Protein backbone atom coordinates (compact mmCIF):
# COMPACT_ATOMS: atom_id res chain seq x y z
CA MET A 1 133.47 86.95 32.92
CA THR A 2 133.65 90.86 32.82
CA SER A 3 130.64 91.20 34.89
CA ARG A 4 132.27 89.00 37.58
CA LYS A 5 135.33 90.64 37.68
CA LYS A 6 133.62 94.15 38.20
CA LEU A 7 131.84 92.94 41.05
CA THR A 8 134.87 91.88 42.60
CA VAL A 9 136.51 95.01 42.44
CA ALA A 10 133.26 96.93 43.59
CA ALA A 11 133.33 94.47 46.42
CA GLU A 12 136.93 95.02 47.36
CA ILE A 13 136.34 98.96 47.19
CA ALA A 14 133.58 98.49 49.52
CA ALA A 15 135.56 96.50 51.97
CA ILE A 16 138.29 99.02 52.06
CA VAL A 17 136.14 102.00 52.74
CA ALA A 18 133.97 100.04 55.02
CA VAL A 19 136.92 98.76 57.56
CA PRO A 20 138.48 102.20 58.58
CA ILE A 21 134.75 103.46 59.20
CA ALA A 22 133.97 100.40 61.47
CA VAL A 23 137.16 100.89 63.31
CA VAL A 24 136.44 104.49 64.34
CA GLY A 25 132.91 103.88 64.94
CA VAL A 26 134.21 101.12 67.53
CA LEU A 27 136.79 103.48 69.04
CA VAL A 28 134.39 106.51 69.53
CA ALA A 29 131.91 104.14 71.28
CA ALA A 30 134.64 102.37 73.60
CA TRP A 31 135.89 106.44 74.58
CA ALA A 32 132.09 107.20 75.47
CA TRP A 33 131.81 103.88 77.60
CA TRP A 34 134.80 103.63 79.31
CA LEU A 35 136.12 107.39 79.73
CA PRO A 36 134.37 109.45 82.54
CA GLY A 37 132.27 112.51 81.52
CA GLY A 38 130.68 109.76 78.94
CA PRO A 39 127.21 110.31 77.65
CA ASP A 40 125.56 108.91 80.71
CA SER A 41 128.21 109.52 83.73
CA SER A 42 126.80 112.05 86.50
CA SER A 43 130.61 112.67 87.60
CA THR A 44 130.10 115.95 85.84
CA GLY A 45 127.39 117.03 87.84
CA GLU A 46 125.18 117.13 84.79
CA GLU A 47 122.39 115.08 83.88
CA SER A 48 122.90 112.96 80.93
CA PRO A 49 121.04 113.72 77.47
CA SER A 50 118.56 110.91 78.02
CA ALA A 51 117.27 111.87 81.52
CA ILE A 52 117.34 115.38 80.14
CA ALA A 53 114.77 114.29 77.23
CA ARG A 54 112.59 111.81 80.26
CA SER A 55 111.47 115.02 82.00
CA SER A 56 110.36 118.40 81.14
CA THR A 57 111.77 120.08 84.31
CA PRO A 58 114.83 119.99 86.04
CA PRO A 59 115.10 117.92 89.12
CA ALA A 60 114.92 119.54 92.57
CA THR A 61 117.00 118.87 95.48
CA VAL A 62 116.36 118.87 98.92
CA ASP A 63 117.01 122.77 99.50
CA GLY A 64 115.17 123.28 96.46
CA SER A 65 117.95 124.47 93.91
CA PRO A 66 118.28 122.57 90.64
CA GLY A 67 120.53 119.64 90.01
CA VAL A 68 120.85 116.16 90.20
CA SER A 69 119.92 114.70 93.46
CA ALA A 70 118.75 111.79 95.26
CA VAL A 71 115.04 113.03 95.67
CA ARG A 72 112.48 114.44 93.73
CA TYR A 73 109.75 116.56 94.72
CA LEU A 74 106.22 114.95 92.34
CA THR A 75 105.41 118.80 92.52
CA ALA A 76 108.36 119.18 89.84
CA ILE A 77 107.15 116.27 87.77
CA GLU A 78 104.13 116.25 85.13
CA PRO A 79 101.76 113.27 85.98
CA THR A 80 101.25 110.82 83.15
CA ALA A 81 97.33 110.45 84.08
CA GLY A 82 95.09 112.24 86.61
CA LYS A 83 96.47 115.89 86.20
CA SER A 84 93.05 117.43 86.16
CA TYR A 85 92.51 115.86 89.83
CA LEU A 86 95.47 117.70 91.17
CA GLU A 87 95.72 121.22 92.47
CA SER A 88 98.95 122.52 93.48
CA THR A 89 100.39 126.04 94.92
CA PRO A 90 103.28 127.78 93.38
CA GLY A 91 105.97 127.70 95.54
CA SER A 92 104.97 125.03 97.53
CA ARG A 93 105.85 121.44 97.66
CA SER A 94 102.23 120.34 98.69
CA LEU A 95 99.92 118.29 96.19
CA ARG A 96 95.93 118.54 96.90
CA ILE A 97 93.83 115.74 95.49
CA HIS A 98 90.20 116.34 95.37
CA CYS A 99 87.75 113.75 96.42
CA ALA A 100 85.35 111.87 93.84
CA THR A 101 81.73 112.42 93.60
CA GLY A 102 81.11 109.27 94.77
CA GLN A 103 78.82 108.31 91.97
CA SER A 104 79.23 104.73 90.85
CA THR A 105 81.71 105.75 87.53
CA ASP A 106 83.78 108.16 89.97
CA ARG A 107 84.74 106.58 92.88
CA VAL A 108 88.37 107.16 93.49
CA ARG A 109 90.92 109.60 92.32
CA GLU A 110 94.12 107.92 90.78
CA ILE A 111 97.47 110.09 89.76
CA SER A 112 100.20 108.42 88.19
CA TYR A 113 103.97 109.48 87.67
CA PRO A 114 106.51 108.03 85.58
CA LEU A 115 109.15 106.60 87.68
CA TYR A 116 111.83 105.40 84.59
CA GLY A 117 113.33 102.79 87.17
CA GLN A 118 115.02 105.39 88.52
CA TYR A 119 113.14 105.83 91.99
CA ARG A 120 112.71 103.35 94.72
CA THR A 121 110.99 105.61 97.76
CA PHE A 122 108.05 107.94 98.04
CA GLN A 123 107.20 109.77 101.38
CA ALA A 124 105.00 112.50 101.68
CA THR A 125 102.71 113.72 104.90
CA VAL A 126 98.82 113.20 104.20
CA ARG A 127 96.41 115.95 105.70
CA ALA A 128 92.91 115.78 105.41
CA ILE A 129 91.25 118.88 104.76
CA GLY A 130 88.28 120.33 102.75
CA PRO A 131 84.39 120.90 104.07
CA ALA A 132 83.63 117.30 104.73
CA PRO A 133 82.23 116.54 108.10
CA GLN A 134 84.64 116.36 110.88
CA GLU A 135 84.14 112.33 111.52
CA THR A 136 84.84 111.77 107.60
CA ARG A 137 88.10 110.25 106.35
CA ILE A 138 90.26 109.68 103.49
CA GLN A 139 92.44 106.76 102.09
CA VAL A 140 95.43 107.48 100.37
CA GLU A 141 97.12 104.38 98.78
CA VAL A 142 100.63 104.16 96.95
CA LEU A 143 100.79 101.87 94.09
CA ALA A 144 103.94 100.86 92.11
CA ASP A 145 103.16 99.55 88.95
CA MET A 146 99.71 99.30 90.34
CA GLN A 147 100.70 96.64 93.12
CA PRO A 148 100.16 98.20 96.41
CA ARG A 149 103.06 99.49 98.48
CA ALA A 150 101.69 101.89 101.29
CA ASN A 151 98.28 102.68 102.79
CA VAL A 152 96.76 105.30 105.39
CA HIS A 153 93.78 106.49 106.46
CA VAL A 154 93.39 110.03 107.83
CA PHE A 155 90.21 111.56 109.27
CA LYS A 156 89.45 115.37 108.67
CA GLY A 157 92.11 117.60 110.58
CA GLN A 158 94.63 114.88 110.88
CA THR A 159 97.93 114.15 109.52
CA ALA A 160 99.51 110.86 108.99
CA PRO A 161 103.09 109.70 107.25
CA ILE A 162 103.04 107.67 104.09
CA SER A 163 106.26 106.01 103.14
CA ALA A 164 106.79 103.28 100.75
CA THR A 165 109.63 101.40 99.20
CA PHE A 166 109.49 99.94 95.27
CA SER A 167 110.78 99.19 92.29
CA GLY A 168 108.68 99.64 88.87
CA GLN A 169 108.31 102.40 85.91
CA THR A 170 105.07 103.76 87.29
CA LEU A 171 103.74 105.49 90.80
CA THR A 172 100.22 105.77 91.07
CA LEU A 173 98.62 107.91 93.91
CA ARG A 174 95.12 106.60 94.78
CA LEU A 175 92.24 108.39 96.50
CA THR A 176 89.32 107.07 98.25
CA CYS A 177 86.86 109.24 100.35
CA GLU A 178 83.98 109.08 102.61
CA SER A 179 82.76 112.39 101.65
CA PRO A 180 82.88 114.01 98.08
CA ASP A 181 83.93 117.36 100.10
CA GLY A 182 87.10 116.00 101.33
CA ILE A 183 90.70 117.05 100.23
CA ALA A 184 93.81 115.08 100.47
CA GLU A 185 96.55 117.09 100.80
CA LEU A 186 99.94 115.57 100.57
CA ASP A 187 103.00 117.79 101.85
CA GLU A 188 106.71 117.49 100.61
CA ALA A 189 105.39 114.54 98.54
CA ARG A 190 108.77 113.05 96.96
CA LEU A 191 110.60 110.02 95.05
CA GLY A 192 113.95 109.28 96.36
CA THR A 193 116.82 106.62 94.84
């Protein structure tokens, strides 16, 4: 009988302590959820802690200044795959992707970027450059979660715009070339919301 009485007293003490803690937790959560300037609010002009944790570089605005923006240049995003295929010029918004060797195990180049579900558009100007013969062409494809969204063919020395609208978690740029000496240059390659 005494052990049952001790258990009941211990349960009452635990309940008395737990109820105020739970009430305070609910009030703090409600405050963070409803009040402006809460953890994920962008009304302050600053990124949320979760957005900062996802990216190692601050977003770039259209004029290049740091801050929250609807535009993010690929030169400011760390690729999740294919980084070794990229060449970028410091201070430039251009990416260069060297063509594959054309060997049976090296036909295309793919570079993937995380979207985190935030971005819905891609735009760039594609230029075919490099020591490849004049009549050769390159193909650049835009894929969202490996689903084709845009495709452009460009002969050496020419340029063409490419744009895509999508939803997804990963953007992949796929380069296919007629010559291993070709290079695709993507000017102003950017994501938008």
